[in-house]
N, C-alpha and C. Protein backbone atom coordinates (compact mmCIF):
# COMPACT_ATOMS: atom_id res chain seq x y z
N MET A 1 75.18 60.62 56.31
CA MET A 1 74.53 60.40 57.63
C MET A 1 74.26 61.75 58.28
N LYS A 2 73.06 61.92 58.79
CA LYS A 2 72.70 63.17 59.41
C LYS A 2 72.77 63.04 60.93
N PHE A 3 73.33 64.08 61.54
CA PHE A 3 73.45 64.04 63.01
C PHE A 3 72.42 65.00 63.59
N GLN A 4 71.79 64.58 64.63
CA GLN A 4 70.73 65.38 65.28
C GLN A 4 71.31 66.00 66.57
N ARG A 5 71.15 67.27 66.72
CA ARG A 5 71.68 67.96 67.92
C ARG A 5 70.79 67.60 69.11
N ILE A 6 71.44 67.20 70.19
CA ILE A 6 70.71 66.80 71.40
C ILE A 6 70.60 67.98 72.33
N ARG A 7 69.43 68.31 72.74
CA ARG A 7 69.23 69.40 73.65
C ARG A 7 69.62 69.01 75.07
N PRO A 8 70.36 69.85 75.78
CA PRO A 8 70.85 69.47 77.15
C PRO A 8 69.78 69.62 78.21
N LEU A 9 68.69 68.86 78.09
CA LEU A 9 67.58 68.98 79.04
C LEU A 9 68.02 68.54 80.45
N LYS A 10 68.72 67.47 80.53
CA LYS A 10 69.14 66.94 81.83
C LYS A 10 70.08 67.91 82.52
N ARG A 11 70.97 68.51 81.73
CA ARG A 11 71.90 69.45 82.31
C ARG A 11 71.17 70.68 82.87
N SER A 12 70.16 71.14 82.12
CA SER A 12 69.38 72.31 82.56
C SER A 12 68.68 71.99 83.86
N GLY A 13 68.08 70.78 83.93
CA GLY A 13 67.41 70.37 85.13
C GLY A 13 68.35 70.28 86.29
N PHE A 14 69.56 69.75 86.02
CA PHE A 14 70.57 69.64 87.07
C PHE A 14 70.96 71.02 87.62
N VAL A 15 71.15 71.96 86.67
CA VAL A 15 71.54 73.33 87.08
C VAL A 15 70.47 73.95 87.97
N ARG A 16 69.17 73.74 87.57
CA ARG A 16 68.06 74.31 88.35
C ARG A 16 68.05 73.71 89.74
N ASN A 17 68.28 72.41 89.82
CA ASN A 17 68.27 71.76 91.15
C ASN A 17 69.40 72.27 92.03
N VAL A 18 70.60 72.45 91.44
CA VAL A 18 71.75 72.93 92.19
C VAL A 18 71.49 74.34 92.72
N LYS A 19 70.96 75.22 91.82
CA LYS A 19 70.68 76.58 92.23
C LYS A 19 69.60 76.64 93.32
N ALA A 20 68.60 75.77 93.21
CA ALA A 20 67.52 75.72 94.23
C ALA A 20 68.07 75.31 95.57
N LYS A 21 68.91 74.26 95.56
CA LYS A 21 69.52 73.79 96.82
C LYS A 21 70.41 74.84 97.41
N PHE A 22 71.14 75.58 96.53
CA PHE A 22 72.05 76.62 97.02
C PHE A 22 71.26 77.73 97.69
N LYS A 23 70.10 78.10 97.12
CA LYS A 23 69.30 79.16 97.69
C LYS A 23 68.79 78.75 99.08
N ILE A 24 68.41 77.46 99.24
CA ILE A 24 67.94 76.99 100.51
C ILE A 24 69.07 77.05 101.55
N SER A 25 70.27 76.63 101.15
CA SER A 25 71.43 76.68 102.06
C SER A 25 71.75 78.10 102.49
N VAL A 26 71.71 79.01 101.50
CA VAL A 26 72.01 80.42 101.82
C VAL A 26 70.99 80.97 102.77
N LYS A 27 69.73 80.58 102.62
CA LYS A 27 68.66 81.10 103.49
C LYS A 27 68.91 80.66 104.95
N ILE A 28 69.31 79.39 105.11
CA ILE A 28 69.58 78.87 106.44
C ILE A 28 70.73 79.61 107.07
N ILE A 29 71.83 79.84 106.32
CA ILE A 29 73.02 80.57 106.82
C ILE A 29 72.64 81.99 107.15
N MET A 30 71.84 82.61 106.26
CA MET A 30 71.43 84.01 106.47
C MET A 30 70.74 84.17 107.80
N GLN A 31 69.79 83.26 108.09
CA GLN A 31 69.05 83.32 109.33
C GLN A 31 69.99 83.19 110.52
N SER A 32 70.99 82.31 110.44
CA SER A 32 71.92 82.13 111.54
C SER A 32 72.77 83.38 111.77
N ILE A 33 73.15 84.06 110.71
CA ILE A 33 73.95 85.30 110.84
C ILE A 33 73.11 86.43 111.45
N ARG A 34 71.88 86.54 111.04
CA ARG A 34 71.02 87.58 111.63
C ARG A 34 70.76 87.31 113.09
N GLU A 35 70.61 86.05 113.40
CA GLU A 35 70.42 85.67 114.79
C GLU A 35 71.71 85.93 115.58
N LYS A 36 72.84 85.67 114.92
CA LYS A 36 74.15 85.91 115.54
C LYS A 36 74.30 87.37 115.89
N TYR A 37 73.84 88.25 114.98
CA TYR A 37 73.96 89.70 115.24
C TYR A 37 73.18 90.09 116.49
N ASN A 38 71.95 89.61 116.59
CA ASN A 38 71.09 89.97 117.71
C ASN A 38 71.53 89.31 119.02
N LYS A 39 71.94 88.04 118.92
CA LYS A 39 72.23 87.29 120.15
C LYS A 39 73.69 87.44 120.62
N THR A 40 74.61 87.57 119.68
CA THR A 40 76.03 87.60 120.03
C THR A 40 76.73 88.91 119.75
N VAL A 41 76.57 89.42 118.51
CA VAL A 41 77.28 90.62 118.12
C VAL A 41 76.86 91.86 118.91
N VAL A 42 75.58 92.05 119.08
CA VAL A 42 75.10 93.23 119.79
C VAL A 42 75.66 93.29 121.23
N PRO A 43 75.50 92.25 122.05
CA PRO A 43 76.05 92.33 123.41
C PRO A 43 77.57 92.40 123.42
N GLU A 44 78.22 91.76 122.46
CA GLU A 44 79.70 91.76 122.38
C GLU A 44 80.22 93.17 122.09
N LEU A 45 79.66 93.83 121.06
CA LEU A 45 80.12 95.17 120.72
C LEU A 45 79.67 96.21 121.71
N LYS A 46 78.52 95.96 122.31
CA LYS A 46 78.02 96.88 123.35
C LYS A 46 79.03 96.94 124.53
N LYS A 47 79.51 95.78 124.87
CA LYS A 47 80.49 95.69 125.95
C LYS A 47 81.86 96.24 125.51
N GLN A 48 82.27 95.89 124.31
CA GLN A 48 83.59 96.31 123.81
C GLN A 48 83.70 97.82 123.73
N PHE A 49 82.66 98.51 123.26
CA PHE A 49 82.71 99.95 123.09
C PHE A 49 82.00 100.71 124.21
N LYS A 50 81.60 99.97 125.25
CA LYS A 50 80.97 100.55 126.45
C LYS A 50 79.78 101.41 126.07
N LEU A 51 78.87 100.84 125.28
CA LEU A 51 77.69 101.55 124.87
C LEU A 51 76.55 101.32 125.84
N LYS A 52 75.77 102.32 126.10
CA LYS A 52 74.69 102.23 127.06
C LYS A 52 73.42 101.57 126.47
N ASN A 53 73.21 101.82 125.17
CA ASN A 53 72.01 101.35 124.53
C ASN A 53 72.33 100.40 123.37
N SER A 54 71.55 99.35 123.22
CA SER A 54 71.78 98.37 122.15
C SER A 54 71.60 99.00 120.76
N PHE A 55 70.78 100.05 120.69
CA PHE A 55 70.56 100.71 119.42
C PHE A 55 71.79 101.48 118.96
N GLU A 56 72.74 101.69 119.85
CA GLU A 56 73.98 102.38 119.47
C GLU A 56 74.98 101.44 118.83
N VAL A 57 74.75 100.16 118.93
CA VAL A 57 75.66 99.16 118.34
C VAL A 57 75.62 99.31 116.83
N PRO A 58 76.78 99.39 116.15
CA PRO A 58 76.81 99.53 114.68
C PRO A 58 76.15 98.33 114.00
N LYS A 59 75.51 98.65 112.87
CA LYS A 59 74.83 97.63 112.11
C LYS A 59 74.97 97.92 110.61
N ILE A 60 74.69 96.92 109.77
CA ILE A 60 74.73 97.17 108.33
C ILE A 60 73.39 97.75 107.91
N GLU A 61 73.44 98.88 107.18
CA GLU A 61 72.24 99.59 106.79
C GLU A 61 71.84 99.30 105.34
N LYS A 62 72.82 99.22 104.44
CA LYS A 62 72.52 98.97 103.06
C LYS A 62 73.80 98.54 102.31
N THR A 63 73.61 97.94 101.17
CA THR A 63 74.74 97.51 100.33
C THR A 63 74.51 98.07 98.92
N VAL A 64 75.55 98.72 98.40
CA VAL A 64 75.44 99.36 97.07
C VAL A 64 76.43 98.67 96.11
N VAL A 65 75.89 98.25 94.95
CA VAL A 65 76.69 97.64 93.92
C VAL A 65 76.80 98.62 92.74
N ASN A 66 78.03 98.93 92.30
CA ASN A 66 78.26 99.87 91.24
C ASN A 66 79.09 99.29 90.12
N VAL A 67 78.73 99.56 88.88
CA VAL A 67 79.54 99.15 87.74
C VAL A 67 79.76 100.35 86.83
N GLY A 68 81.00 100.64 86.52
CA GLY A 68 81.30 101.74 85.58
C GLY A 68 81.27 101.17 84.18
N VAL A 69 80.49 101.81 83.30
CA VAL A 69 80.39 101.28 81.91
C VAL A 69 80.81 102.35 80.90
N GLY A 70 81.59 103.33 81.36
CA GLY A 70 82.04 104.39 80.48
C GLY A 70 82.76 103.91 79.23
N LYS A 71 83.59 102.87 79.38
CA LYS A 71 84.34 102.38 78.21
C LYS A 71 83.51 101.49 77.29
N PHE A 72 82.26 101.21 77.68
CA PHE A 72 81.41 100.41 76.83
C PHE A 72 80.25 101.21 76.24
N LEU A 73 80.41 102.53 76.23
CA LEU A 73 79.30 103.41 75.78
C LEU A 73 78.83 103.10 74.36
N ASN A 74 79.74 102.62 73.53
CA ASN A 74 79.39 102.33 72.13
C ASN A 74 79.04 100.86 71.92
N ASP A 75 78.95 100.12 73.01
CA ASP A 75 78.65 98.67 72.90
C ASP A 75 77.38 98.40 73.67
N SER A 76 76.24 98.57 73.04
CA SER A 76 74.95 98.37 73.71
C SER A 76 74.72 96.93 74.13
N ALA A 77 75.28 95.97 73.37
CA ALA A 77 75.13 94.56 73.73
C ALA A 77 75.85 94.24 75.01
N MET A 78 77.03 94.84 75.19
CA MET A 78 77.82 94.63 76.42
C MET A 78 77.09 95.23 77.63
N ILE A 79 76.55 96.41 77.47
CA ILE A 79 75.82 97.05 78.56
C ILE A 79 74.58 96.22 78.93
N ALA A 80 73.89 95.71 77.94
CA ALA A 80 72.71 94.87 78.18
C ALA A 80 73.10 93.61 78.93
N ASP A 81 74.28 93.05 78.58
CA ASP A 81 74.77 91.86 79.24
C ASP A 81 75.13 92.13 80.71
N ILE A 82 75.72 93.28 80.96
CA ILE A 82 76.05 93.70 82.32
C ILE A 82 74.81 93.90 83.16
N LEU A 83 73.80 94.56 82.60
CA LEU A 83 72.55 94.80 83.30
C LEU A 83 71.91 93.47 83.69
N LYS A 84 71.89 92.53 82.76
CA LYS A 84 71.28 91.23 83.03
C LYS A 84 72.07 90.46 84.12
N SER A 85 73.39 90.53 84.05
CA SER A 85 74.22 89.82 85.04
C SER A 85 74.09 90.40 86.43
N ILE A 86 74.07 91.73 86.55
CA ILE A 86 73.94 92.37 87.84
C ILE A 86 72.57 92.07 88.45
N GLU A 87 71.53 92.04 87.62
CA GLU A 87 70.19 91.72 88.12
C GLU A 87 70.19 90.26 88.61
N THR A 88 70.88 89.38 87.94
CA THR A 88 70.94 87.98 88.35
C THR A 88 71.67 87.85 89.67
N ILE A 89 72.78 88.58 89.83
CA ILE A 89 73.60 88.49 91.03
C ILE A 89 72.91 89.09 92.23
N THR A 90 72.22 90.21 92.06
CA THR A 90 71.64 90.94 93.20
C THR A 90 70.15 90.62 93.41
N ALA A 91 69.52 89.97 92.42
CA ALA A 91 68.09 89.68 92.49
C ALA A 91 67.26 90.96 92.55
N GLN A 92 67.78 92.04 91.96
CA GLN A 92 67.07 93.29 91.90
C GLN A 92 67.43 94.03 90.61
N LYS A 93 66.44 94.67 90.02
CA LYS A 93 66.67 95.37 88.76
C LYS A 93 67.56 96.59 88.98
N PRO A 94 68.68 96.70 88.26
CA PRO A 94 69.60 97.83 88.45
C PRO A 94 69.13 99.10 87.77
N LEU A 95 69.69 100.23 88.21
CA LEU A 95 69.42 101.52 87.63
C LEU A 95 70.67 101.98 86.86
N GLN A 96 70.47 102.74 85.78
CA GLN A 96 71.59 103.29 85.06
C GLN A 96 71.84 104.73 85.52
N THR A 97 73.04 105.01 85.93
CA THR A 97 73.36 106.35 86.45
C THR A 97 73.93 107.23 85.34
N LYS A 98 73.71 108.53 85.45
CA LYS A 98 74.12 109.46 84.42
C LYS A 98 75.28 110.34 84.91
N ALA A 99 76.07 110.77 83.96
CA ALA A 99 77.21 111.65 84.23
C ALA A 99 76.70 113.01 84.68
N ARG A 100 77.27 113.55 85.78
CA ARG A 100 76.85 114.85 86.33
C ARG A 100 77.40 116.02 85.54
N LYS A 101 78.54 115.76 84.86
CA LYS A 101 79.14 116.84 84.06
C LYS A 101 79.89 116.22 82.88
N SER A 102 80.20 117.05 81.91
CA SER A 102 80.89 116.59 80.70
C SER A 102 82.38 116.50 80.95
N ILE A 103 83.02 115.47 80.39
CA ILE A 103 84.49 115.30 80.48
C ILE A 103 84.98 115.08 79.04
N ALA A 104 85.52 116.13 78.46
CA ALA A 104 85.93 116.10 77.05
C ALA A 104 86.98 115.03 76.79
N GLY A 105 87.94 114.87 77.69
CA GLY A 105 89.01 113.92 77.51
C GLY A 105 88.54 112.49 77.37
N PHE A 106 87.41 112.18 78.01
CA PHE A 106 86.85 110.81 77.95
C PHE A 106 85.62 110.73 77.05
N LYS A 107 85.34 111.81 76.33
CA LYS A 107 84.20 111.86 75.42
C LYS A 107 82.87 111.57 76.14
N ILE A 108 82.75 112.11 77.36
CA ILE A 108 81.56 111.91 78.17
C ILE A 108 80.76 113.20 78.28
N ARG A 109 79.50 113.16 77.91
CA ARG A 109 78.63 114.32 77.97
C ARG A 109 77.77 114.27 79.24
N GLU A 110 77.42 115.44 79.72
CA GLU A 110 76.56 115.52 80.89
C GLU A 110 75.22 114.85 80.58
N GLY A 111 74.76 113.96 81.48
CA GLY A 111 73.51 113.27 81.27
C GLY A 111 73.67 111.92 80.60
N LEU A 112 74.88 111.59 80.16
CA LEU A 112 75.13 110.31 79.50
C LEU A 112 75.14 109.17 80.53
N GLU A 113 74.52 108.05 80.21
CA GLU A 113 74.48 106.93 81.17
C GLU A 113 75.82 106.26 81.20
N VAL A 114 76.54 106.38 82.31
CA VAL A 114 77.91 105.89 82.40
C VAL A 114 78.08 104.83 83.51
N GLY A 115 77.02 104.47 84.19
CA GLY A 115 77.15 103.51 85.29
C GLY A 115 75.88 102.71 85.52
N ILE A 116 76.05 101.64 86.27
CA ILE A 116 74.92 100.78 86.66
C ILE A 116 74.98 100.61 88.17
N LYS A 117 73.84 100.78 88.82
CA LYS A 117 73.82 100.80 90.27
C LYS A 117 72.64 100.04 90.85
N VAL A 118 72.89 99.35 91.96
CA VAL A 118 71.83 98.65 92.72
C VAL A 118 72.02 98.96 94.18
N THR A 119 70.95 99.35 94.86
CA THR A 119 71.02 99.57 96.30
C THR A 119 70.13 98.52 96.97
N LEU A 120 70.77 97.72 97.82
CA LEU A 120 70.07 96.60 98.47
C LEU A 120 69.85 96.90 99.96
N ARG A 121 68.65 96.56 100.41
CA ARG A 121 68.29 96.68 101.84
C ARG A 121 67.50 95.45 102.25
N GLY A 122 67.38 95.26 103.54
CA GLY A 122 66.52 94.17 104.05
C GLY A 122 67.04 92.77 103.65
N GLN A 123 66.10 91.91 103.36
CA GLN A 123 66.47 90.51 103.07
C GLN A 123 67.31 90.35 101.82
N ARG A 124 67.04 91.14 100.76
CA ARG A 124 67.88 91.02 99.56
C ARG A 124 69.31 91.40 99.87
N MET A 125 69.51 92.35 100.75
CA MET A 125 70.84 92.75 101.16
C MET A 125 71.55 91.62 101.85
N TRP A 126 70.89 90.96 102.78
CA TRP A 126 71.48 89.87 103.52
C TRP A 126 71.75 88.66 102.61
N ASP A 127 70.83 88.43 101.67
CA ASP A 127 71.03 87.34 100.70
C ASP A 127 72.29 87.58 99.90
N PHE A 128 72.47 88.79 99.42
CA PHE A 128 73.62 89.13 98.61
C PHE A 128 74.92 89.01 99.43
N ILE A 129 74.91 89.54 100.65
CA ILE A 129 76.10 89.48 101.52
C ILE A 129 76.49 88.04 101.78
N GLU A 130 75.49 87.17 102.02
CA GLU A 130 75.77 85.79 102.30
C GLU A 130 76.43 85.09 101.10
N ARG A 131 75.89 85.38 99.90
CA ARG A 131 76.48 84.77 98.69
C ARG A 131 77.87 85.29 98.46
N MET A 132 78.09 86.57 98.70
CA MET A 132 79.41 87.15 98.47
C MET A 132 80.44 86.58 99.44
N VAL A 133 80.11 86.60 100.73
CA VAL A 133 81.06 86.15 101.77
C VAL A 133 81.22 84.65 101.77
N GLY A 134 80.10 83.92 101.63
CA GLY A 134 80.16 82.48 101.78
C GLY A 134 80.50 81.70 100.54
N ALA A 135 80.23 82.28 99.34
CA ALA A 135 80.44 81.53 98.10
C ALA A 135 81.34 82.24 97.09
N ALA A 136 81.17 83.55 96.92
CA ALA A 136 81.93 84.25 95.86
C ALA A 136 83.39 84.52 96.20
N LEU A 137 83.62 85.17 97.36
CA LEU A 137 84.98 85.54 97.75
C LEU A 137 85.91 84.33 97.86
N PRO A 138 85.46 83.20 98.42
CA PRO A 138 86.36 82.03 98.51
C PRO A 138 86.77 81.51 97.14
N ARG A 139 86.04 81.91 96.08
CA ARG A 139 86.39 81.43 94.73
C ARG A 139 87.43 82.34 94.06
N VAL A 140 87.79 83.42 94.73
CA VAL A 140 88.80 84.34 94.18
C VAL A 140 90.16 83.67 94.28
N LYS A 141 90.92 83.70 93.22
CA LYS A 141 92.24 83.07 93.20
C LYS A 141 93.16 83.72 94.20
N ASP A 142 93.85 82.90 95.01
CA ASP A 142 94.77 83.36 96.02
C ASP A 142 94.14 84.35 96.99
N PHE A 143 92.93 84.06 97.38
CA PHE A 143 92.22 84.95 98.34
C PHE A 143 92.76 84.70 99.76
N HIS A 144 93.22 85.78 100.41
CA HIS A 144 93.75 85.67 101.77
C HIS A 144 92.99 86.56 102.76
N GLY A 145 91.79 86.90 102.38
CA GLY A 145 90.98 87.75 103.26
C GLY A 145 90.75 89.13 102.70
N ILE A 146 89.75 89.83 103.23
CA ILE A 146 89.47 91.19 102.79
C ILE A 146 90.48 92.13 103.43
N LYS A 147 91.10 92.96 102.60
CA LYS A 147 92.11 93.91 103.09
C LYS A 147 91.53 94.82 104.17
N LEU A 148 92.32 95.08 105.20
CA LEU A 148 91.88 95.96 106.27
C LEU A 148 91.63 97.39 105.75
N SER A 149 92.38 97.74 104.71
CA SER A 149 92.22 99.08 104.13
C SER A 149 90.90 99.23 103.41
N ALA A 150 90.15 98.14 103.22
CA ALA A 150 88.85 98.19 102.56
C ALA A 150 87.81 98.84 103.45
N VAL A 151 88.09 98.92 104.77
CA VAL A 151 87.17 99.60 105.68
C VAL A 151 87.62 101.02 105.84
N ASP A 152 86.74 101.99 105.48
CA ASP A 152 87.12 103.40 105.50
C ASP A 152 86.97 104.01 106.91
N SER A 153 87.26 105.29 107.03
CA SER A 153 87.25 105.98 108.32
C SER A 153 85.83 106.05 108.94
N ASP A 154 84.82 105.85 108.11
CA ASP A 154 83.43 105.89 108.61
C ASP A 154 82.91 104.50 108.96
N GLY A 155 83.75 103.49 108.81
CA GLY A 155 83.34 102.14 109.13
C GLY A 155 82.59 101.42 108.05
N ASN A 156 82.67 101.93 106.80
CA ASN A 156 82.02 101.27 105.67
C ASN A 156 83.01 100.39 104.95
N LEU A 157 82.55 99.32 104.36
CA LEU A 157 83.41 98.36 103.66
C LEU A 157 83.31 98.54 102.14
N ASN A 158 84.45 98.69 101.49
CA ASN A 158 84.50 98.86 100.02
C ASN A 158 85.31 97.73 99.43
N ILE A 159 84.66 96.91 98.60
CA ILE A 159 85.34 95.76 97.99
C ILE A 159 85.24 95.84 96.48
N GLY A 160 86.37 95.65 95.81
CA GLY A 160 86.41 95.62 94.35
C GLY A 160 86.36 94.16 93.85
N ILE A 161 85.33 93.81 93.13
CA ILE A 161 85.19 92.47 92.58
C ILE A 161 85.76 92.52 91.15
N LYS A 162 86.82 91.79 90.86
CA LYS A 162 87.47 91.82 89.56
C LYS A 162 86.71 91.02 88.50
N GLU A 163 86.09 89.94 88.90
CA GLU A 163 85.37 89.12 87.91
C GLU A 163 83.98 88.78 88.43
N HIS A 164 82.97 89.21 87.76
CA HIS A 164 81.59 88.99 88.23
C HIS A 164 81.21 87.53 88.26
N MET A 165 81.92 86.72 87.48
CA MET A 165 81.55 85.28 87.39
C MET A 165 81.90 84.45 88.62
N ILE A 166 82.51 85.09 89.64
CA ILE A 166 82.80 84.33 90.88
C ILE A 166 81.50 84.08 91.67
N PHE A 167 80.45 84.79 91.31
CA PHE A 167 79.17 84.56 92.00
C PHE A 167 78.49 83.31 91.44
N PRO A 168 77.99 82.45 92.31
CA PRO A 168 77.44 81.15 91.88
C PRO A 168 76.22 81.22 90.97
N GLU A 169 75.54 82.38 90.94
CA GLU A 169 74.37 82.52 90.04
C GLU A 169 74.78 82.62 88.56
N ILE A 170 76.02 82.99 88.32
CA ILE A 170 76.52 83.14 86.95
C ILE A 170 77.08 81.83 86.43
N LEU A 171 76.49 81.31 85.38
CA LEU A 171 77.00 80.06 84.79
C LEU A 171 78.11 80.35 83.80
N PRO A 172 79.32 79.81 84.03
CA PRO A 172 80.50 80.10 83.20
C PRO A 172 80.24 79.90 81.71
N GLU A 173 79.50 78.86 81.34
CA GLU A 173 79.30 78.58 79.92
C GLU A 173 78.41 79.63 79.24
N GLN A 174 77.76 80.47 80.04
CA GLN A 174 76.89 81.51 79.46
C GLN A 174 77.55 82.90 79.50
N VAL A 175 78.76 82.97 80.02
CA VAL A 175 79.46 84.27 80.13
C VAL A 175 80.09 84.66 78.82
N LYS A 176 79.70 85.83 78.30
CA LYS A 176 80.29 86.34 77.07
C LYS A 176 81.41 87.32 77.37
N ASN A 177 81.24 88.13 78.43
CA ASN A 177 82.22 89.13 78.78
C ASN A 177 82.37 89.14 80.31
N VAL A 178 83.61 89.23 80.79
CA VAL A 178 83.86 89.31 82.22
C VAL A 178 84.09 90.79 82.58
N PHE A 179 83.42 91.24 83.66
CA PHE A 179 83.56 92.65 84.02
C PHE A 179 83.70 92.78 85.54
N PRO A 180 84.35 93.88 86.01
CA PRO A 180 84.51 94.11 87.45
C PRO A 180 83.37 95.01 87.99
N PHE A 181 83.19 95.00 89.30
CA PHE A 181 82.26 95.95 89.89
C PHE A 181 82.65 96.22 91.35
N GLN A 182 82.07 97.26 91.90
CA GLN A 182 82.39 97.70 93.26
C GLN A 182 81.23 97.43 94.20
N VAL A 183 81.54 96.97 95.39
CA VAL A 183 80.52 96.70 96.42
C VAL A 183 80.84 97.57 97.63
N THR A 184 79.89 98.35 98.09
CA THR A 184 80.06 99.18 99.29
C THR A 184 79.01 98.78 100.29
N ILE A 185 79.45 98.32 101.44
CA ILE A 185 78.54 97.94 102.53
C ILE A 185 78.54 99.08 103.54
N VAL A 186 77.42 99.78 103.61
CA VAL A 186 77.30 100.96 104.48
C VAL A 186 76.79 100.57 105.84
N THR A 187 77.47 101.04 106.88
CA THR A 187 77.09 100.72 108.25
C THR A 187 76.75 102.00 109.04
N SER A 188 76.28 101.81 110.25
CA SER A 188 75.97 102.94 111.14
C SER A 188 77.16 103.21 112.07
N ALA A 189 78.30 102.54 111.82
CA ALA A 189 79.47 102.72 112.67
C ALA A 189 79.96 104.17 112.61
N LYS A 190 80.59 104.59 113.70
CA LYS A 190 81.09 105.96 113.81
C LYS A 190 82.58 106.06 113.53
N SER A 191 83.24 104.92 113.35
CA SER A 191 84.70 104.93 113.13
C SER A 191 85.13 103.63 112.40
N LYS A 192 86.36 103.66 111.96
CA LYS A 192 86.91 102.46 111.30
C LYS A 192 86.98 101.33 112.30
N GLU A 193 87.32 101.63 113.53
CA GLU A 193 87.45 100.61 114.57
C GLU A 193 86.11 99.90 114.79
N GLU A 194 85.03 100.67 114.86
CA GLU A 194 83.70 100.08 115.07
C GLU A 194 83.29 99.23 113.87
N GLY A 195 83.55 99.76 112.68
CA GLY A 195 83.22 99.02 111.46
C GLY A 195 83.97 97.72 111.37
N MET A 196 85.27 97.74 111.68
CA MET A 196 86.11 96.56 111.64
C MET A 196 85.59 95.52 112.65
N ALA A 197 85.25 95.97 113.83
CA ALA A 197 84.75 95.07 114.88
C ALA A 197 83.44 94.43 114.43
N LEU A 198 82.59 95.19 113.78
CA LEU A 198 81.30 94.67 113.30
C LEU A 198 81.49 93.58 112.27
N PHE A 199 82.34 93.83 111.27
CA PHE A 199 82.56 92.85 110.21
C PHE A 199 83.23 91.60 110.72
N ARG A 200 84.17 91.75 111.62
CA ARG A 200 84.83 90.56 112.20
C ARG A 200 83.83 89.75 113.03
N ALA A 201 83.02 90.43 113.82
CA ALA A 201 82.04 89.75 114.67
C ALA A 201 81.00 89.01 113.87
N LEU A 202 80.65 89.53 112.67
CA LEU A 202 79.68 88.89 111.80
C LEU A 202 80.28 87.74 111.01
N GLY A 203 81.57 87.62 111.03
CA GLY A 203 82.22 86.49 110.34
C GLY A 203 82.76 86.82 108.96
N PHE A 204 82.92 88.12 108.66
CA PHE A 204 83.53 88.45 107.37
C PHE A 204 84.98 88.02 107.39
N PRO A 205 85.49 87.45 106.26
CA PRO A 205 86.87 86.96 106.23
C PRO A 205 87.88 88.10 106.07
N MET A 206 88.08 88.84 107.18
CA MET A 206 89.02 89.96 107.14
C MET A 206 90.47 89.46 107.17
N GLU A 207 91.32 90.19 106.56
CA GLU A 207 92.73 89.84 106.47
C GLU A 207 93.34 89.78 107.86
N VAL A 208 94.18 88.79 108.09
CA VAL A 208 94.86 88.61 109.38
C VAL A 208 96.34 88.93 109.15
N ILE A 209 96.81 89.96 109.87
CA ILE A 209 98.23 90.35 109.73
C ILE A 209 99.03 89.81 110.92
N ASN A 210 99.98 88.97 110.65
CA ASN A 210 100.81 88.40 111.68
C ASN A 210 101.87 89.40 112.12
N SER A 211 101.90 89.71 113.40
CA SER A 211 102.87 90.69 113.91
C SER A 211 104.22 90.02 114.20
C-alpha cells in the first residue's frame, strides 16, 4: 500500500490569517502608544522635569538590533539563517558589520564580517517596539520586567534577547537554530532618570523593586 504525503495547505492558510490579524492588532496598539506619547507622556514629563519647551521632552529616536556571529564564521548556512530571521523580525534587510581590527586569539581578521545589524526608525521602529514589548517579552520564561540596570546613564535601553524565537513572526516548526541578539533603544534623554521616566510612561514593563 502506498501512502501519499498530504500538503499542509490549511495550516499554511491558518498561519497567514493569524499573522495578518496580529499585524492589524499591532498597528492599532502602535497608534495608541504614539498618541499616548503626544497627549499624555509629553505633558507629564514636561511637568515632572520642569521643562519649558515640549521639544525638550525625551523621545525615542531609533532602535538598533545587533547579532554577533563571530562563532559562526565557518558556518555560512547558520549566518544565512540568522540574516533571514532578523529580516523577518525587524521587517528590514540587515547589514553585515566588519571587524575593525584583527584579534589573533579569536582568529578574527580585520575586515571580516562578524556581526549583523539593523537600525530602525519611524514606523518600522514603532512596529518592532510594539511586537517586542507587547508580544515577545511576555513569552520569556519567568519574565518579571526589564531590569532597571538595562537603562544606561544616557537614558538608552539595552536589552539582551536570549532566544530569537520569542518573536511571533518566527514559526517554531521552521526554527533550525536558536540565537541571541541585542536590542538598543536610543533616546534623546539627558540622564538615566529621564530615560527611565520615558520608558515607564510609554508602558514598557520595567522591573518593580519592592522596598
